[in-house]
Each structure stands twice: as structure tokens, then as C-alpha cells.
Protein backbone atom coordinates (compact mmCIF):
# COMPACT_ATOMS: atom_id res chain seq x y z
CA MET A 1 -3.26 -1.06 -2.37
CA ASN A 2 -1.50 -0.55 0.93
CA PHE A 3 1.66 1.42 1.76
CA LEU A 4 4.17 -0.66 -0.20
CA ALA A 5 2.30 -0.51 -3.49
CA HIS A 6 1.82 3.25 -3.21
CA PHE A 7 5.52 3.71 -2.52
CA ALA A 8 6.57 1.42 -5.36
CA LEU A 9 4.25 3.13 -7.83
CA ALA A 10 5.69 6.53 -6.87
CA GLY A 11 8.97 5.49 -8.46
CA GLU A 12 12.06 7.59 -7.76
CA ASP A 13 10.24 10.88 -7.19
CA GLU A 14 10.39 12.22 -3.63
CA GLY A 15 7.28 14.40 -4.00
CA LEU A 16 5.21 11.51 -5.33
CA LEU A 17 6.42 9.30 -2.48
CA LEU A 18 5.55 11.90 0.16
CA GLY A 19 2.16 12.61 -1.37
CA ASN A 20 1.34 8.92 -1.64
CA PHE A 21 2.11 8.48 2.06
CA MET A 22 0.41 11.68 3.21
CA ALA A 23 -2.84 11.05 1.31
CA ASP A 24 -4.21 8.64 3.91
CA PHE A 25 -3.85 11.37 6.53
CA MET A 26 -5.52 14.21 4.61
CA ASN A 27 -9.09 15.26 4.02
CA GLY A 28 -10.61 16.96 1.00
CA ASN A 29 -8.38 19.63 -0.47
CA ASP A 30 -5.79 19.77 2.34
CA HIS A 31 -3.17 18.68 -0.20
CA LEU A 32 -3.52 21.96 -2.12
CA GLU A 33 -1.39 23.67 0.55
CA TYR A 34 1.64 21.61 -0.54
CA PRO A 35 4.07 22.02 -3.46
CA HIS A 36 3.09 20.57 -6.84
CA PRO A 37 5.00 17.23 -6.62
CA ILE A 38 3.38 16.39 -3.27
CA ARG A 39 -0.06 17.42 -4.54
CA LYS A 40 0.54 15.18 -7.55
CA GLY A 41 1.45 12.33 -5.17
CA VAL A 42 -1.81 12.76 -3.24
CA GLU A 43 -3.76 12.80 -6.50
CA MET A 44 -1.87 9.69 -7.62
CA HIS A 45 -2.72 7.92 -4.35
CA ARG A 46 -6.41 8.72 -4.80
CA PHE A 47 -6.31 7.52 -8.41
CA ILE A 48 -4.64 4.27 -7.32
CA ASP A 49 -7.34 3.67 -4.70
CA PHE A 50 -10.15 4.36 -7.17
CA TYR A 51 -8.60 2.30 -9.94
CA THR A 52 -7.87 -0.61 -7.61
CA ASP A 53 -11.39 -0.77 -6.19
CA SER A 54 -12.93 -0.76 -9.67
CA HIS A 55 -10.53 -3.24 -11.30
CA GLU A 56 -12.11 -6.57 -12.27
CA VAL A 57 -9.14 -8.66 -11.07
CA PHE A 58 -9.17 -6.96 -7.67
CA ARG A 59 -12.92 -7.52 -7.41
CA LYS A 60 -12.39 -11.18 -8.35
CA SER A 61 -9.88 -11.54 -5.50
CA LYS A 62 -12.30 -9.82 -3.11
CA ARG A 63 -14.85 -12.54 -3.76
CA LEU A 64 -12.46 -14.97 -2.04
CA LEU A 65 -12.85 -12.80 1.06
CA LYS A 66 -16.65 -12.60 0.99
CA PRO A 67 -17.09 -13.48 4.71
CA TYR A 68 -15.27 -10.23 5.61
CA ARG A 69 -17.75 -8.09 3.64
CA HIS A 70 -16.81 -4.40 3.68
CA TYR A 71 -13.39 -5.19 5.20
CA SER A 72 -12.48 -7.41 2.23
CA GLY A 73 -10.98 -4.54 0.23
CA VAL A 74 -8.79 -3.42 3.11
CA ILE A 75 -7.62 -6.98 3.70
CA LEU A 76 -6.89 -7.47 0.03
CA ASP A 77 -4.82 -4.26 -0.05
CA VAL A 78 -2.57 -5.86 2.57
CA PHE A 79 -2.49 -9.20 0.75
CA TYR A 80 -1.49 -7.49 -2.50
CA ASP A 81 1.35 -5.68 -0.69
CA HIS A 82 2.52 -9.11 0.45
CA PHE A 83 2.59 -10.37 -3.13
CA LEU A 84 4.36 -7.24 -4.28
CA ALA A 85 7.07 -7.90 -1.69
CA LYS A 86 7.25 -11.61 -2.60
CA ASN A 87 7.54 -10.90 -6.33
CA TRP A 88 9.71 -7.79 -5.99
CA SER A 89 12.79 -9.18 -7.76
CA GLU A 90 10.67 -10.07 -10.80
CA LEU A 91 9.21 -6.56 -11.01
CA PHE A 92 12.09 -4.22 -10.13
CA ASP A 93 15.83 -3.98 -10.67
CA VAL A 94 16.57 -2.45 -7.26
CA SER A 95 16.73 -4.87 -4.33
CA TYR A 96 13.79 -4.90 -1.96
CA GLU A 97 16.02 -4.08 1.02
CA ASP A 98 17.57 -1.07 -0.77
CA PHE A 99 14.13 0.19 -1.77
CA ILE A 100 12.87 -0.07 1.81
CA ALA A 101 15.94 1.70 3.22
CA LYS A 102 15.62 4.55 0.71
CA THR A 103 11.88 4.88 1.35
CA TYR A 104 12.28 5.03 5.12
CA HIS A 105 15.16 7.50 4.75
CA THR A 106 13.21 9.83 2.44
CA LEU A 107 10.06 9.78 4.58
CA SER A 108 12.01 10.29 7.81
CA LEU A 109 14.00 13.21 6.38
CA ASN A 110 10.71 14.88 5.49
CA ASN A 111 8.93 14.07 8.75
CA ASP A 112 8.39 17.76 9.56
CA ARG A 113 6.51 18.22 6.25
CA LEU A 114 4.05 15.44 7.06
CA PRO A 115 0.69 16.07 8.71
CA LEU A 116 0.91 15.44 12.45
CA SER A 117 -1.45 12.50 12.06
CA ALA A 118 1.09 10.81 9.72
CA GLN A 119 4.14 11.24 11.94
CA LYS A 120 3.31 8.59 14.55
CA PRO A 121 2.43 5.90 11.96
CA LEU A 122 5.68 6.66 10.13
CA LYS A 123 7.65 6.24 13.33
CA SER A 124 5.96 2.85 13.93
CA MET A 125 6.47 1.81 10.31
CA VAL A 126 10.20 2.44 10.50
CA TYR A 127 10.71 1.15 14.05
CA TYR A 128 8.85 -2.13 13.43
CA ASP A 129 10.05 -2.33 9.82
CA TRP A 130 6.59 -2.99 8.42
CA LEU A 131 7.67 -3.03 4.79
CA TYR A 132 10.32 -5.68 5.34
CA HIS A 133 7.86 -7.94 7.14
CA TYR A 134 5.25 -7.66 4.38
CA GLN A 135 7.09 -10.41 2.51
CA TYR A 136 6.29 -12.97 5.21
CA ILE A 137 2.93 -14.48 6.10
CA ASP A 138 3.54 -13.93 9.81
CA GLY A 139 4.28 -10.27 9.04
CA ILE A 140 0.94 -9.97 7.26
CA GLU A 141 -0.72 -11.73 10.18
CA ARG A 142 0.67 -9.08 12.56
CA VAL A 143 -0.62 -6.30 10.30
CA LEU A 144 -4.08 -7.86 10.26
CA GLU A 145 -4.07 -8.33 14.03
CA GLY A 146 -3.22 -4.64 14.47
CA MET A 147 -5.98 -3.63 12.08
CA THR A 148 -8.48 -5.85 13.90
CA LYS A 149 -7.64 -4.15 17.21
CA ARG A 150 -8.23 -0.72 15.70
CA THR A 151 -11.66 -1.45 14.21
CA LYS A 152 -14.74 -0.33 16.08
CA TYR A 153 -16.56 -3.62 15.54
CA ASN A 154 -15.26 -7.16 15.76
CA SER A 155 -14.03 -7.30 12.16
CA GLN A 156 -12.07 -10.54 12.61
CA MET A 157 -9.71 -9.38 9.85
CA ASN A 158 -6.93 -11.31 11.55
CA GLU A 159 -8.72 -14.56 10.67
CA SER A 160 -8.42 -13.77 6.97
CA ILE A 161 -4.85 -15.06 7.16
CA TYR A 162 -6.37 -18.52 6.70
CA GLU A 163 -7.89 -17.35 3.41
CA LEU A 164 -4.48 -16.05 2.34
CA VAL A 165 -2.92 -19.46 2.93
CA LYS A 166 -5.83 -21.37 1.43
CA HIS A 167 -5.98 -19.32 -1.80
CA TYR A 168 -2.31 -18.30 -1.93
CA GLU A 169 -1.67 -19.12 -5.60
CA ALA A 170 -4.97 -17.60 -6.75
CA PHE A 171 -4.23 -14.34 -4.92
CA ASN A 172 -0.69 -14.31 -6.31
CA ASP A 173 -1.89 -14.87 -9.88
CA ASP A 174 -4.51 -12.14 -9.53
CA PHE A 175 -1.97 -9.75 -8.09
CA MET A 176 0.47 -10.27 -10.96
CA LEU A 177 -2.26 -9.58 -13.53
CA PHE A 178 -3.42 -6.53 -11.63
CA TRP A 179 0.10 -5.14 -11.12
CA LYS A 180 0.76 -4.93 -14.86
CA ASP A 181 -2.34 -2.80 -15.28
CA ILE A 182 -1.87 -0.50 -12.30
CA TYR A 183 1.79 0.08 -13.11
CA SER A 184 0.92 1.03 -16.68
CA GLU A 185 -2.00 3.24 -15.61
CA THR A 186 0.15 5.22 -13.17
CA ASN A 187 2.94 5.94 -15.66
CA LYS A 188 1.31 9.30 -16.39
CA TYR A 189 2.12 10.43 -12.83
CA ARG A 190 5.73 9.27 -12.89
CA ILE A 191 6.42 10.83 -16.28
CA THR A 192 4.72 14.22 -15.85
CA VAL A 193 6.09 15.24 -12.48
């Protein structure tokens, strides 16, 4: 799962949100230096990543991206964020726009608590409004183009947009099945904070 899913799964808890964002910018046990709610958010993020990669529905979706080999999981994380944005009103009571605004506000207010390596991506995320654009195919295409530019080898991840369009309903159906499971499995983090 990409940024949006991690944020959505964090629920209303600020520490879980921060930890879920920070986790991609931490190594090993770096998170142990932070207060309990943030540590719990980092642990939640790592659980989400592990659970996602091992889930049969996610692996089924990955097979539709076979030409992209080891990049298929990364691509699918972005695709699933797109379907989360597209299906938001079916899954949550809060509007997508309000959720995005609150998320950006919370992360920005806590910018000084973030690892330095997370501060620049946060600034870009807010400035270019990544989360808002996840709901559109051209927004996903821009994300994939940016990822392609940052890979060491010619990953051609940007070309996977054609697979998104071609298998749109199949990806959407898989996402909706997967979301029920991941949301249920992460309840333990939202409840025990």
C-alpha cells in the first residue's frame, strides 16, 4: 500500500499517522527513539507492508503486472491507492477532501518531528497535492513517471498505466476484497493506541 492507504488505516490517531508516514524514511530500530504512538505507527506500517505482500488477492493482482517483475508490487501499491481514492465515499463517512486537508495539516504541523529525509517528500506531497490526484488516472500516471525517473534501471513503471486501464475493473474488484481484510487486520492498532 502507498501513502494514502497507510494514512487511511491510521484512522484518527495522530501518532499512528506520523509513524505510518515516517516508516518509509527509517531504518531498523530508529523508531524506538520516538514516543509510543509514533512507534506503534511505524510498527503498523511494517505490518501493513508485510500483510499486503503476502495476501493472496494482492498477489493475484500482481500477476496482471508480470512484465514489470520486481516493480509489480510497488506499482500495485500505487494502483490500490487510486482505487482507495475512487471508492472513498463507499468506505468512509468523512469526505475525501476533508481527510486530505486534515492529513496534510497534521503532517505539516509535525514537520520538525519527522526525519530529515521525510521532510522534503512531505513538502512535495502537499505542494503538488499528491493525495488529491490519486483519484485520477492522469494523477497516477504522473506518480509512475516520477517513480520511473528515480529508479536506477529503466523500470518502465510509467508504461504500467496501460495495464491499469486495460484491467481496471479487475484491479478495482481485487482492491475492494483486499481492503476489507486489511482494514479488519489493522483494527488492533487503531484500538490499542
